[in-house]
Amino acid sequence: MQTLPKSRLLRFVEEVLQLAKRAVARYSSKFSKQRYTLHQHIVLLCLKVRKNTTYRTLLDELIEMPRIRNAINLTELPAPSTLCKAFDRLDMAVWRVLLNLSVSLLPTNGVAGIDAS
């Protein structure tokens, strides 16, 4: 049987996972329960934004997405409140680092802009 090509969504998840691995440690603390990694939380939060959906709906859709779950090594789904709390715990600095890392993936044409903030 022929394997299916990677979807754009799967490629997005793999890219975000690689960026998350470069941006943050595996766990937020040495006292973490280590049930889910920060990398998995970040991928799920980015996927929620990409799909413009709720936590509950995202997790419901992930039941039907084994390739996405396998890509991030997610053996069981977190509760919606787990993702909501993970988002609240992640510092703005993490999102800035992810943004800066993701910009390096884009092609450049030599034109630059300056932000006033």
N, C-alpha and C. Protein backbone atom coordinates (compact mmCIF):
# COMPACT_ATOMS: atom_id res chain seq x y z
N MET A 1 0.84 -1.18 0.00
CA MET A 1 0.00 0.00 0.00
C MET A 1 0.88 1.25 0.00
N GLN A 2 0.52 2.19 -0.78
CA GLN A 2 1.31 3.43 -0.92
C GLN A 2 1.05 4.36 0.26
N THR A 3 2.12 4.95 0.80
CA THR A 3 1.96 5.89 1.91
C THR A 3 1.45 7.22 1.40
N LEU A 4 0.67 7.86 2.20
CA LEU A 4 0.10 9.15 1.83
C LEU A 4 1.17 10.24 1.93
N PRO A 5 1.10 11.23 1.05
CA PRO A 5 2.05 12.35 1.18
C PRO A 5 1.70 13.17 2.43
N LYS A 6 2.67 13.94 2.89
CA LYS A 6 2.45 14.79 4.07
C LYS A 6 1.51 15.93 3.70
N SER A 7 0.53 16.15 4.55
CA SER A 7 -0.38 17.28 4.36
C SER A 7 0.30 18.57 4.81
N ARG A 8 -0.25 19.68 4.43
CA ARG A 8 0.28 20.98 4.88
C ARG A 8 0.17 21.10 6.39
N LEU A 9 -0.90 20.54 6.95
CA LEU A 9 -1.08 20.59 8.39
C LEU A 9 -0.01 19.78 9.11
N LEU A 10 0.31 18.61 8.59
CA LEU A 10 1.35 17.78 9.19
C LEU A 10 2.72 18.47 9.08
N ARG A 11 3.01 19.07 7.94
CA ARG A 11 4.27 19.80 7.79
C ARG A 11 4.33 20.98 8.75
N PHE A 12 3.21 21.67 8.94
CA PHE A 12 3.13 22.77 9.91
C PHE A 12 3.46 22.27 11.31
N VAL A 13 2.85 21.16 11.71
CA VAL A 13 3.08 20.60 13.04
C VAL A 13 4.55 20.22 13.21
N GLU A 14 5.15 19.61 12.21
CA GLU A 14 6.56 19.22 12.31
C GLU A 14 7.48 20.43 12.42
N GLU A 15 7.18 21.49 11.67
CA GLU A 15 7.98 22.72 11.76
C GLU A 15 7.85 23.36 13.14
N VAL A 16 6.63 23.45 13.65
CA VAL A 16 6.43 24.05 14.98
C VAL A 16 7.15 23.22 16.05
N LEU A 17 7.09 21.90 15.91
CA LEU A 17 7.77 21.04 16.87
C LEU A 17 9.28 21.30 16.87
N GLN A 18 9.86 21.43 15.69
CA GLN A 18 11.31 21.71 15.61
C GLN A 18 11.63 23.08 16.22
N LEU A 19 10.79 24.07 15.96
CA LEU A 19 11.01 25.40 16.54
C LEU A 19 10.88 25.35 18.06
N ALA A 20 9.89 24.63 18.55
CA ALA A 20 9.69 24.52 20.00
C ALA A 20 10.88 23.84 20.66
N LYS A 21 11.43 22.84 20.01
CA LYS A 21 12.59 22.15 20.58
C LYS A 21 13.80 23.07 20.66
N ARG A 22 13.89 24.02 19.73
CA ARG A 22 14.99 24.99 19.76
C ARG A 22 14.74 26.10 20.77
N ALA A 23 13.47 26.37 21.09
CA ALA A 23 13.13 27.54 21.90
C ALA A 23 13.03 27.27 23.40
N VAL A 24 12.57 26.08 23.77
CA VAL A 24 12.32 25.82 25.19
C VAL A 24 12.86 24.46 25.61
N ALA A 25 13.00 24.31 26.92
CA ALA A 25 13.40 23.02 27.49
C ALA A 25 12.25 22.03 27.34
N ARG A 26 12.56 20.78 27.57
CA ARG A 26 11.54 19.73 27.42
C ARG A 26 10.40 19.91 28.44
N TYR A 27 10.75 20.22 29.67
CA TYR A 27 9.75 20.42 30.72
C TYR A 27 9.99 21.78 31.37
N SER A 28 8.94 22.33 31.97
CA SER A 28 9.05 23.66 32.56
C SER A 28 9.81 23.66 33.88
N SER A 29 9.87 22.50 34.53
CA SER A 29 10.52 22.42 35.83
C SER A 29 10.97 20.99 36.08
N LYS A 30 11.96 20.83 36.94
CA LYS A 30 12.38 19.47 37.28
C LYS A 30 11.32 18.78 38.12
N PHE A 31 10.36 19.54 38.64
CA PHE A 31 9.28 18.98 39.43
C PHE A 31 8.02 18.73 38.60
N SER A 32 8.12 18.90 37.30
CA SER A 32 6.99 18.69 36.39
C SER A 32 6.51 17.24 36.48
N LYS A 33 5.22 17.03 36.26
CA LYS A 33 4.67 15.67 36.24
C LYS A 33 5.18 14.88 35.04
N GLN A 34 5.70 15.58 34.04
CA GLN A 34 6.28 15.00 32.83
C GLN A 34 5.29 14.11 32.08
N ARG A 35 4.04 14.52 32.10
CA ARG A 35 3.02 13.82 31.33
C ARG A 35 3.01 14.31 29.89
N TYR A 36 3.16 15.62 29.71
CA TYR A 36 3.26 16.25 28.39
C TYR A 36 4.47 17.17 28.41
N THR A 37 5.13 17.29 27.27
CA THR A 37 6.28 18.19 27.19
C THR A 37 5.82 19.60 26.82
N LEU A 38 6.67 20.57 27.08
CA LEU A 38 6.38 21.93 26.63
C LEU A 38 6.27 21.97 25.11
N HIS A 39 7.07 21.15 24.45
CA HIS A 39 7.03 21.10 22.99
C HIS A 39 5.63 20.69 22.51
N GLN A 40 5.06 19.68 23.14
CA GLN A 40 3.72 19.24 22.77
C GLN A 40 2.69 20.32 23.04
N HIS A 41 2.81 20.99 24.19
CA HIS A 41 1.88 22.07 24.50
C HIS A 41 1.95 23.17 23.45
N ILE A 42 3.16 23.56 23.08
CA ILE A 42 3.32 24.64 22.10
C ILE A 42 2.73 24.24 20.76
N VAL A 43 2.99 23.02 20.32
CA VAL A 43 2.44 22.56 19.04
C VAL A 43 0.92 22.58 19.08
N LEU A 44 0.33 22.09 20.15
CA LEU A 44 -1.12 22.06 20.25
C LEU A 44 -1.71 23.48 20.30
N LEU A 45 -1.04 24.39 21.00
CA LEU A 45 -1.53 25.77 21.05
C LEU A 45 -1.42 26.45 19.69
N CYS A 46 -0.32 26.20 18.98
CA CYS A 46 -0.17 26.77 17.63
C CYS A 46 -1.19 26.15 16.67
N LEU A 47 -1.46 24.88 16.82
CA LEU A 47 -2.45 24.21 15.99
C LEU A 47 -3.85 24.77 16.25
N LYS A 48 -4.13 25.10 17.50
CA LYS A 48 -5.42 25.72 17.84
C LYS A 48 -5.58 27.05 17.13
N VAL A 49 -4.52 27.84 17.14
CA VAL A 49 -4.57 29.14 16.46
C VAL A 49 -4.69 28.95 14.95
N ARG A 50 -3.91 28.03 14.40
CA ARG A 50 -3.92 27.77 12.95
C ARG A 50 -5.31 27.36 12.48
N LYS A 51 -5.98 26.52 13.26
CA LYS A 51 -7.30 26.02 12.88
C LYS A 51 -8.42 26.96 13.34
N ASN A 52 -8.08 27.99 14.11
CA ASN A 52 -9.07 28.96 14.59
C ASN A 52 -10.24 28.24 15.28
N THR A 53 -9.92 27.47 16.29
CA THR A 53 -10.91 26.65 16.96
C THR A 53 -10.77 26.77 18.48
N THR A 54 -11.61 26.06 19.20
CA THR A 54 -11.54 26.06 20.66
C THR A 54 -10.66 24.91 21.13
N TYR A 55 -10.29 24.94 22.40
CA TYR A 55 -9.49 23.84 22.96
C TYR A 55 -10.24 22.52 22.83
N ARG A 56 -11.50 22.54 23.21
CA ARG A 56 -12.31 21.33 23.20
C ARG A 56 -12.47 20.76 21.78
N THR A 57 -12.72 21.62 20.82
CA THR A 57 -12.89 21.17 19.44
C THR A 57 -11.58 20.65 18.88
N LEU A 58 -10.48 21.32 19.19
CA LEU A 58 -9.17 20.85 18.72
C LEU A 58 -8.90 19.44 19.22
N LEU A 59 -9.12 19.21 20.50
CA LEU A 59 -8.86 17.89 21.06
C LEU A 59 -9.81 16.84 20.49
N ASP A 60 -11.03 17.24 20.19
CA ASP A 60 -11.97 16.32 19.56
C ASP A 60 -11.49 15.94 18.15
N GLU A 61 -10.98 16.92 17.41
CA GLU A 61 -10.47 16.65 16.06
C GLU A 61 -9.20 15.80 16.10
N LEU A 62 -8.38 15.99 17.12
CA LEU A 62 -7.13 15.22 17.23
C LEU A 62 -7.39 13.72 17.40
N ILE A 63 -8.55 13.37 17.90
CA ILE A 63 -8.90 11.95 18.00
C ILE A 63 -8.83 11.31 16.61
N GLU A 64 -9.22 12.05 15.59
CA GLU A 64 -9.25 11.55 14.22
C GLU A 64 -7.96 11.87 13.43
N MET A 65 -6.92 12.34 14.10
CA MET A 65 -5.68 12.72 13.43
C MET A 65 -4.49 11.91 13.97
N PRO A 66 -4.42 10.63 13.69
CA PRO A 66 -3.32 9.84 14.25
C PRO A 66 -1.94 10.27 13.74
N ARG A 67 -1.83 10.74 12.50
CA ARG A 67 -0.53 11.17 11.99
C ARG A 67 -0.02 12.40 12.74
N ILE A 68 -0.92 13.31 13.07
CA ILE A 68 -0.53 14.51 13.83
C ILE A 68 -0.11 14.10 15.23
N ARG A 69 -0.88 13.23 15.87
CA ARG A 69 -0.53 12.77 17.22
C ARG A 69 0.80 12.03 17.22
N ASN A 70 1.04 11.21 16.22
CA ASN A 70 2.31 10.49 16.12
C ASN A 70 3.47 11.44 15.91
N ALA A 71 3.27 12.49 15.14
CA ALA A 71 4.34 13.44 14.84
C ALA A 71 4.85 14.13 16.11
N ILE A 72 3.96 14.33 17.06
CA ILE A 72 4.39 14.99 18.31
C ILE A 72 4.46 14.01 19.47
N ASN A 73 4.38 12.72 19.15
CA ASN A 73 4.51 11.65 20.16
C ASN A 73 3.49 11.83 21.28
N LEU A 74 2.25 12.05 20.90
CA LEU A 74 1.17 12.28 21.86
C LEU A 74 0.36 10.99 21.99
N THR A 75 0.56 10.26 23.07
CA THR A 75 -0.12 8.98 23.25
C THR A 75 -1.50 9.13 23.86
N GLU A 76 -1.71 10.18 24.63
CA GLU A 76 -3.04 10.46 25.18
C GLU A 76 -3.29 11.96 25.08
N LEU A 77 -4.55 12.32 24.96
CA LEU A 77 -4.89 13.73 24.80
C LEU A 77 -5.06 14.41 26.15
N PRO A 78 -4.54 15.63 26.27
CA PRO A 78 -4.74 16.39 27.51
C PRO A 78 -6.18 16.90 27.60
N ALA A 79 -6.57 17.28 28.77
CA ALA A 79 -7.87 17.92 28.96
C ALA A 79 -7.80 19.34 28.40
N PRO A 80 -8.92 19.89 27.97
CA PRO A 80 -8.91 21.28 27.47
C PRO A 80 -8.33 22.26 28.50
N SER A 81 -8.62 22.04 29.78
CA SER A 81 -8.11 22.94 30.82
C SER A 81 -6.59 22.86 30.93
N THR A 82 -6.01 21.71 30.60
CA THR A 82 -4.54 21.56 30.63
C THR A 82 -3.91 22.49 29.60
N LEU A 83 -4.49 22.53 28.40
CA LEU A 83 -3.95 23.42 27.36
C LEU A 83 -4.16 24.88 27.73
N CYS A 84 -5.30 25.19 28.28
CA CYS A 84 -5.58 26.58 28.69
C CYS A 84 -4.58 27.03 29.74
N LYS A 85 -4.31 26.18 30.72
CA LYS A 85 -3.35 26.51 31.77
C LYS A 85 -1.93 26.59 31.21
N ALA A 86 -1.61 25.73 30.25
CA ALA A 86 -0.29 25.77 29.63
C ALA A 86 -0.08 27.09 28.91
N PHE A 87 -1.11 27.56 28.23
CA PHE A 87 -1.02 28.85 27.53
C PHE A 87 -0.79 29.98 28.53
N ASP A 88 -1.50 29.95 29.65
CA ASP A 88 -1.35 30.99 30.67
C ASP A 88 0.04 30.97 31.29
N ARG A 89 0.64 29.77 31.42
CA ARG A 89 1.96 29.66 32.05
C ARG A 89 3.09 30.07 31.13
N LEU A 90 2.91 29.92 29.83
CA LEU A 90 4.00 30.25 28.92
C LEU A 90 4.22 31.76 28.88
N ASP A 91 5.43 32.15 29.07
CA ASP A 91 5.81 33.56 29.11
C ASP A 91 5.81 34.15 27.70
N MET A 92 5.55 35.43 27.60
CA MET A 92 5.57 36.11 26.31
C MET A 92 6.93 35.96 25.63
N ALA A 93 7.99 35.85 26.41
CA ALA A 93 9.33 35.69 25.84
C ALA A 93 9.42 34.42 25.00
N VAL A 94 8.73 33.37 25.41
CA VAL A 94 8.74 32.12 24.63
C VAL A 94 8.13 32.35 23.26
N TRP A 95 7.02 33.06 23.20
CA TRP A 95 6.35 33.33 21.92
C TRP A 95 7.21 34.23 21.04
N ARG A 96 7.94 35.18 21.65
CA ARG A 96 8.85 36.04 20.87
C ARG A 96 9.99 35.23 20.27
N VAL A 97 10.54 34.31 21.05
CA VAL A 97 11.61 33.45 20.54
C VAL A 97 11.09 32.59 19.39
N LEU A 98 9.91 32.03 19.55
CA LEU A 98 9.33 31.22 18.48
C LEU A 98 9.09 32.06 17.22
N LEU A 99 8.63 33.28 17.41
CA LEU A 99 8.41 34.16 16.28
C LEU A 99 9.72 34.46 15.56
N ASN A 100 10.75 34.79 16.33
CA ASN A 100 12.06 35.08 15.72
C ASN A 100 12.63 33.86 15.00
N LEU A 101 12.48 32.68 15.59
CA LEU A 101 12.97 31.48 14.93
C LEU A 101 12.19 31.18 13.66
N SER A 102 10.88 31.42 13.69
CA SER A 102 10.07 31.12 12.52
C SER A 102 10.36 32.09 11.37
N VAL A 103 10.75 33.31 11.69
CA VAL A 103 11.09 34.28 10.64
C VAL A 103 12.28 33.79 9.83
N SER A 104 13.20 33.10 10.49
CA SER A 104 14.38 32.61 9.78
C SER A 104 14.03 31.56 8.73
N LEU A 105 12.82 30.99 8.79
CA LEU A 105 12.40 29.99 7.81
C LEU A 105 11.88 30.61 6.53
N LEU A 106 11.56 31.90 6.59
CA LEU A 106 10.97 32.57 5.44
C LEU A 106 12.04 33.04 4.46
N PRO A 107 11.73 33.01 3.18
CA PRO A 107 12.68 33.53 2.20
C PRO A 107 12.78 35.05 2.32
N THR A 108 13.95 35.58 2.15
CA THR A 108 14.13 37.03 2.22
C THR A 108 14.48 37.58 0.85
N ASN A 109 14.16 38.84 0.64
CA ASN A 109 14.46 39.47 -0.65
C ASN A 109 15.39 40.65 -0.49
N GLY A 110 15.99 40.80 0.69
CA GLY A 110 16.93 41.89 0.90
C GLY A 110 16.28 43.15 1.45
N VAL A 111 14.95 43.21 1.51
CA VAL A 111 14.25 44.37 2.02
C VAL A 111 13.99 44.12 3.50
N ALA A 112 14.27 45.11 4.35
CA ALA A 112 14.08 44.96 5.77
C ALA A 112 13.17 46.06 6.29
N GLY A 113 12.51 45.80 7.40
CA GLY A 113 11.66 46.79 8.03
C GLY A 113 12.08 46.98 9.47
N ILE A 114 11.74 48.14 10.02
CA ILE A 114 12.08 48.42 11.40
C ILE A 114 10.78 48.66 12.15
N ASP A 115 10.67 48.02 13.29
CA ASP A 115 9.49 48.16 14.13
C ASP A 115 9.80 49.18 15.21
N ALA A 116 8.84 50.04 15.50
CA ALA A 116 9.07 51.13 16.44
C ALA A 116 8.89 50.71 17.90
N SER A 117 8.43 49.49 18.15
CA SER A 117 8.15 49.13 19.54
C SER A 117 9.33 48.70 20.31
